[in-house]
């Protein structure tokens, strides 16, 4: 998604890419799907297609799909994936959401 070029220079986005790359190493299908869901969410938020609350709900759903997809896998792999998710969420995703809001073409902030 070229809309994400807005984020290319951000250290938070590079860190996001690194963490989701590690997730894809643990779970190739689930990790890639999670990354795509987050990138789409950021792009939609930056374009003004969704608001921050909707973005948070979409991100929670993406985490749920990734976590439920690891059920039955090796416990060490599941714990590694959960650790990566915990590292990613919170401050890092919050900063990316803020960057998406500030990149809106109309300059309006979400409520």
N, C-alpha and C. Protein backbone atom coordinates (compact mmCIF):
# COMPACT_ATOMS: atom_id res chain seq x y z
N UNK A 1 0.84 -1.18 0.00
CA UNK A 1 0.00 0.00 0.00
C UNK A 1 0.89 1.24 0.00
N UNK A 2 0.80 1.99 -1.04
CA UNK A 2 1.65 3.17 -1.13
C UNK A 2 1.22 4.26 -0.18
N UNK A 3 0.01 4.22 0.30
CA UNK A 3 -0.41 5.20 1.30
C UNK A 3 0.52 5.14 2.50
N UNK A 4 1.11 4.00 2.73
CA UNK A 4 1.99 3.83 3.89
C UNK A 4 3.33 4.51 3.72
N UNK A 5 3.61 5.09 2.56
CA UNK A 5 4.87 5.81 2.40
C UNK A 5 4.96 6.97 3.39
N UNK A 6 3.83 7.44 3.87
CA UNK A 6 3.79 8.48 4.90
C UNK A 6 4.57 8.03 6.13
N UNK A 7 4.57 6.73 6.40
CA UNK A 7 5.18 6.19 7.60
C UNK A 7 6.63 5.76 7.40
N UNK A 8 7.11 5.73 6.17
CA UNK A 8 8.43 5.16 5.87
C UNK A 8 9.57 5.72 6.71
N UNK A 9 9.56 7.00 7.02
CA UNK A 9 10.65 7.59 7.77
C UNK A 9 10.53 7.46 9.28
N UNK A 10 9.42 6.94 9.76
CA UNK A 10 9.21 6.86 11.21
C UNK A 10 9.93 5.66 11.82
N UNK A 11 10.69 5.88 12.88
CA UNK A 11 11.34 4.74 13.54
C UNK A 11 10.32 3.74 14.07
N UNK A 12 9.15 4.22 14.48
CA UNK A 12 8.10 3.33 14.97
C UNK A 12 7.63 2.38 13.88
N UNK A 13 7.56 2.87 12.64
CA UNK A 13 7.11 2.02 11.54
C UNK A 13 8.18 0.98 11.20
N UNK A 14 9.43 1.38 11.25
CA UNK A 14 10.51 0.41 11.01
C UNK A 14 10.49 -0.67 12.09
N UNK A 15 10.24 -0.26 13.33
CA UNK A 15 10.16 -1.23 14.43
C UNK A 15 8.95 -2.15 14.22
N UNK A 16 7.84 -1.59 13.80
CA UNK A 16 6.65 -2.38 13.48
C UNK A 16 6.97 -3.42 12.40
N UNK A 17 7.67 -3.00 11.35
CA UNK A 17 8.03 -3.92 10.28
C UNK A 17 8.93 -5.04 10.79
N UNK A 18 9.86 -4.68 11.65
CA UNK A 18 10.78 -5.68 12.22
C UNK A 18 10.01 -6.70 13.07
N UNK A 19 9.14 -6.22 13.94
CA UNK A 19 8.37 -7.11 14.80
C UNK A 19 7.42 -8.00 14.00
N UNK A 20 6.75 -7.43 13.01
CA UNK A 20 5.83 -8.26 12.23
C UNK A 20 6.59 -9.24 11.34
N UNK A 21 7.80 -8.90 10.97
CA UNK A 21 8.64 -9.87 10.26
C UNK A 21 8.97 -11.06 11.14
N UNK A 22 9.24 -10.79 12.43
CA UNK A 22 9.49 -11.88 13.38
C UNK A 22 8.23 -12.70 13.60
N UNK A 23 7.07 -12.03 13.60
CA UNK A 23 5.81 -12.76 13.74
C UNK A 23 5.60 -13.70 12.56
N UNK A 24 5.90 -13.21 11.38
CA UNK A 24 5.74 -14.03 10.18
C UNK A 24 6.69 -15.22 10.20
N UNK A 25 7.83 -15.06 10.85
CA UNK A 25 8.75 -16.18 10.99
C UNK A 25 8.15 -17.25 11.91
N UNK A 26 7.45 -16.82 12.95
CA UNK A 26 6.80 -17.76 13.88
C UNK A 26 5.56 -18.39 13.24
N UNK A 27 4.78 -17.60 12.54
CA UNK A 27 3.52 -18.05 11.94
C UNK A 27 3.39 -17.35 10.59
N UNK A 28 3.90 -17.97 9.52
CA UNK A 28 3.94 -17.29 8.22
C UNK A 28 2.59 -16.75 7.74
N UNK A 29 1.55 -17.52 7.85
CA UNK A 29 0.25 -17.07 7.35
C UNK A 29 -0.37 -16.05 8.31
N UNK A 30 -0.43 -16.39 9.59
CA UNK A 30 -1.03 -15.50 10.57
C UNK A 30 -0.27 -14.20 10.73
N UNK A 31 1.06 -14.27 10.75
CA UNK A 31 1.87 -13.07 10.89
C UNK A 31 1.70 -12.12 9.72
N UNK A 32 1.67 -12.66 8.52
CA UNK A 32 1.47 -11.83 7.33
C UNK A 32 0.07 -11.22 7.31
N UNK A 33 -0.92 -11.99 7.70
CA UNK A 33 -2.30 -11.49 7.74
C UNK A 33 -2.44 -10.37 8.78
N UNK A 34 -1.79 -10.53 9.93
CA UNK A 34 -1.83 -9.50 10.97
C UNK A 34 -1.19 -8.21 10.45
N UNK A 35 -0.01 -8.33 9.84
CA UNK A 35 0.67 -7.15 9.32
C UNK A 35 -0.20 -6.44 8.29
N UNK A 36 -0.79 -7.18 7.38
CA UNK A 36 -1.65 -6.59 6.36
C UNK A 36 -2.85 -5.89 7.00
N UNK A 37 -3.44 -6.50 8.01
CA UNK A 37 -4.59 -5.89 8.69
C UNK A 37 -4.20 -4.58 9.36
N UNK A 38 -3.04 -4.55 10.01
CA UNK A 38 -2.59 -3.32 10.67
C UNK A 38 -2.28 -2.25 9.62
N UNK A 39 -1.59 -2.62 8.55
CA UNK A 39 -1.26 -1.65 7.51
C UNK A 39 -2.52 -1.08 6.87
N UNK A 40 -3.49 -1.93 6.60
CA UNK A 40 -4.75 -1.46 6.01
C UNK A 40 -5.47 -0.52 6.98
N UNK A 41 -5.46 -0.86 8.25
CA UNK A 41 -6.09 -0.03 9.27
C UNK A 41 -5.42 1.35 9.33
N UNK A 42 -4.09 1.38 9.32
CA UNK A 42 -3.36 2.65 9.35
C UNK A 42 -3.68 3.49 8.11
N UNK A 43 -3.70 2.84 6.95
CA UNK A 43 -4.00 3.56 5.71
C UNK A 43 -5.42 4.12 5.73
N UNK A 44 -6.38 3.31 6.16
CA UNK A 44 -7.77 3.78 6.23
C UNK A 44 -7.92 4.93 7.22
N UNK A 45 -7.22 4.86 8.33
CA UNK A 45 -7.27 5.94 9.31
C UNK A 45 -6.65 7.21 8.73
N UNK A 46 -5.52 7.08 8.05
CA UNK A 46 -4.86 8.24 7.46
C UNK A 46 -5.71 8.87 6.36
N UNK A 47 -6.45 8.06 5.63
CA UNK A 47 -7.31 8.57 4.55
C UNK A 47 -8.63 9.14 5.07
N UNK A 48 -8.92 8.92 6.35
CA UNK A 48 -10.17 9.41 6.92
C UNK A 48 -11.34 8.47 6.70
N UNK A 49 -11.07 7.25 6.26
CA UNK A 49 -12.14 6.28 6.02
C UNK A 49 -12.71 5.71 7.32
N UNK A 50 -11.91 5.70 8.37
CA UNK A 50 -12.35 5.21 9.67
C UNK A 50 -11.85 6.18 10.74
N UNK A 51 -12.43 6.08 11.92
CA UNK A 51 -12.00 6.89 13.06
C UNK A 51 -11.14 6.03 13.99
N UNK A 52 -10.54 6.67 14.97
CA UNK A 52 -9.61 5.96 15.85
C UNK A 52 -10.28 4.81 16.61
N UNK A 53 -11.49 5.00 17.07
CA UNK A 53 -12.19 3.93 17.78
C UNK A 53 -12.41 2.71 16.90
N UNK A 54 -12.77 2.96 15.64
CA UNK A 54 -12.92 1.85 14.70
C UNK A 54 -11.58 1.16 14.45
N UNK A 55 -10.53 1.96 14.36
CA UNK A 55 -9.19 1.40 14.15
C UNK A 55 -8.81 0.49 15.32
N UNK A 56 -9.09 0.94 16.54
CA UNK A 56 -8.77 0.13 17.71
C UNK A 56 -9.52 -1.20 17.69
N UNK A 57 -10.79 -1.16 17.30
CA UNK A 57 -11.58 -2.40 17.22
C UNK A 57 -11.03 -3.34 16.15
N UNK A 58 -10.63 -2.79 15.01
CA UNK A 58 -10.05 -3.61 13.94
C UNK A 58 -8.73 -4.25 14.38
N UNK A 59 -7.92 -3.48 15.12
CA UNK A 59 -6.64 -4.02 15.60
C UNK A 59 -6.86 -5.12 16.64
N UNK A 60 -7.85 -4.93 17.50
CA UNK A 60 -8.18 -5.99 18.47
C UNK A 60 -8.63 -7.26 17.77
N UNK A 61 -9.44 -7.10 16.73
CA UNK A 61 -9.91 -8.27 15.97
C UNK A 61 -8.75 -8.97 15.28
N UNK A 62 -7.82 -8.20 14.74
CA UNK A 62 -6.65 -8.80 14.08
C UNK A 62 -5.81 -9.58 15.07
N UNK A 63 -5.65 -9.03 16.28
CA UNK A 63 -4.89 -9.76 17.30
C UNK A 63 -5.62 -11.05 17.67
N UNK A 64 -6.92 -10.97 17.81
CA UNK A 64 -7.70 -12.16 18.16
C UNK A 64 -7.57 -13.25 17.12
N UNK A 65 -7.62 -12.86 15.84
CA UNK A 65 -7.46 -13.86 14.77
C UNK A 65 -6.08 -14.49 14.82
N UNK A 66 -5.05 -13.67 15.05
CA UNK A 66 -3.69 -14.21 15.11
C UNK A 66 -3.53 -15.13 16.31
N UNK A 67 -4.02 -14.70 17.46
CA UNK A 67 -3.89 -15.51 18.67
C UNK A 67 -4.67 -16.82 18.56
N UNK A 68 -5.88 -16.76 18.01
CA UNK A 68 -6.67 -17.99 17.90
C UNK A 68 -6.08 -18.94 16.88
N UNK A 69 -5.36 -18.42 15.90
CA UNK A 69 -4.73 -19.26 14.90
C UNK A 69 -3.54 -20.04 15.42
N UNK A 70 -3.02 -19.63 16.58
CA UNK A 70 -1.86 -20.32 17.14
C UNK A 70 -2.25 -21.39 18.14
N UNK A 71 -3.55 -21.54 18.40
CA UNK A 71 -4.00 -22.58 19.34
C UNK A 71 -3.59 -23.94 18.79
N UNK A 72 -3.05 -24.77 19.65
CA UNK A 72 -2.62 -26.10 19.23
C UNK A 72 -1.19 -26.14 18.74
N UNK A 73 -0.57 -24.99 18.61
CA UNK A 73 0.84 -24.96 18.19
C UNK A 73 1.73 -25.18 19.40
N UNK A 74 2.98 -25.32 19.12
CA UNK A 74 3.99 -25.46 20.16
C UNK A 74 3.87 -24.31 21.16
N UNK A 75 3.90 -24.63 22.44
CA UNK A 75 3.72 -23.61 23.49
C UNK A 75 4.80 -22.53 23.42
N UNK A 76 6.03 -22.90 23.12
CA UNK A 76 7.10 -21.90 23.03
C UNK A 76 6.84 -20.95 21.87
N UNK A 77 6.34 -21.47 20.77
CA UNK A 77 6.01 -20.63 19.62
C UNK A 77 4.87 -19.68 19.95
N UNK A 78 3.85 -20.18 20.63
CA UNK A 78 2.73 -19.32 21.03
C UNK A 78 3.19 -18.22 21.97
N UNK A 79 4.04 -18.57 22.92
CA UNK A 79 4.53 -17.57 23.87
C UNK A 79 5.38 -16.52 23.16
N UNK A 80 6.19 -16.94 22.21
CA UNK A 80 7.01 -16.01 21.44
C UNK A 80 6.12 -15.04 20.66
N UNK A 81 5.10 -15.57 20.01
CA UNK A 81 4.18 -14.75 19.24
C UNK A 81 3.44 -13.76 20.14
N UNK A 82 2.98 -14.23 21.28
CA UNK A 82 2.29 -13.34 22.23
C UNK A 82 3.24 -12.26 22.74
N UNK A 83 4.49 -12.61 22.99
CA UNK A 83 5.48 -11.62 23.41
C UNK A 83 5.70 -10.55 22.36
N UNK A 84 5.77 -10.96 21.09
CA UNK A 84 5.91 -10.00 20.01
C UNK A 84 4.70 -9.09 19.91
N UNK A 85 3.51 -9.65 20.06
CA UNK A 85 2.29 -8.84 20.04
C UNK A 85 2.29 -7.83 21.18
N UNK A 86 2.68 -8.27 22.36
CA UNK A 86 2.73 -7.36 23.51
C UNK A 86 3.72 -6.24 23.28
N UNK A 87 4.86 -6.55 22.63
CA UNK A 87 5.86 -5.52 22.33
C UNK A 87 5.32 -4.51 21.32
N UNK A 88 4.52 -4.99 20.41
CA UNK A 88 4.01 -4.15 19.33
C UNK A 88 2.88 -3.25 19.80
N UNK A 89 2.00 -3.78 20.59
CA UNK A 89 0.82 -3.03 20.98
C UNK A 89 1.13 -2.04 22.09
N UNK A 90 0.25 -1.13 22.28
CA UNK A 90 0.45 -0.12 23.30
C UNK A 90 1.07 1.12 22.70
N UNK A 91 2.23 1.50 23.19
CA UNK A 91 2.86 2.75 22.78
C UNK A 91 3.18 2.76 21.29
N UNK A 92 3.75 1.68 20.77
CA UNK A 92 4.16 1.65 19.36
C UNK A 92 2.96 1.82 18.43
N UNK A 93 1.93 1.01 18.61
CA UNK A 93 0.76 1.15 17.75
C UNK A 93 0.05 2.48 17.99
N UNK A 94 0.06 2.95 19.22
CA UNK A 94 -0.54 4.25 19.51
C UNK A 94 0.15 5.37 18.75
N UNK A 95 1.47 5.32 18.67
CA UNK A 95 2.21 6.34 17.92
C UNK A 95 1.92 6.24 16.42
N UNK A 96 1.79 5.02 15.93
CA UNK A 96 1.47 4.85 14.51
C UNK A 96 0.06 5.36 14.21
N UNK A 97 -0.88 5.12 15.12
CA UNK A 97 -2.23 5.65 14.94
C UNK A 97 -2.22 7.18 14.95
N UNK A 98 -1.44 7.77 15.86
CA UNK A 98 -1.31 9.23 15.90
C UNK A 98 -0.72 9.76 14.60
N UNK A 99 0.29 9.08 14.06
CA UNK A 99 0.89 9.49 12.79
C UNK A 99 -0.12 9.39 11.66
N UNK A 100 -0.94 8.36 11.68
CA UNK A 100 -1.98 8.21 10.65
C UNK A 100 -2.97 9.36 10.72
N UNK A 101 -3.35 9.74 11.93
CA UNK A 101 -4.29 10.85 12.09
C UNK A 101 -3.69 12.16 11.59
N UNK A 102 -2.42 12.39 11.88
CA UNK A 102 -1.79 13.64 11.46
C UNK A 102 -1.54 13.67 9.95
N UNK A 103 -1.57 12.51 9.29
CA UNK A 103 -1.35 12.45 7.84
C UNK A 103 -2.63 12.64 7.04
N UNK A 104 -3.75 12.80 7.71
CA UNK A 104 -5.02 12.94 6.99
C UNK A 104 -4.97 14.14 6.05
N UNK A 105 -5.45 13.95 4.83
CA UNK A 105 -5.37 15.03 3.84
C UNK A 105 -6.18 16.27 4.23
N UNK A 106 -7.27 16.07 4.96
CA UNK A 106 -8.09 17.22 5.35
C UNK A 106 -7.63 17.83 6.66
N UNK A 107 -6.63 17.19 7.29
CA UNK A 107 -6.06 17.71 8.52
C UNK A 107 -6.93 17.56 9.75
N UNK A 108 -8.07 16.90 9.62
CA UNK A 108 -8.94 16.77 10.79
C UNK A 108 -8.51 15.59 11.65
N UNK A 109 -8.62 15.78 12.92
CA UNK A 109 -8.32 14.73 13.89
C UNK A 109 -9.59 13.95 14.19
N UNK A 110 -9.42 12.69 14.48
CA UNK A 110 -10.57 11.89 14.87
C UNK A 110 -10.95 12.21 16.30
N UNK A 111 -12.19 12.00 16.63
CA UNK A 111 -12.67 12.27 17.99
C UNK A 111 -12.16 11.23 18.94
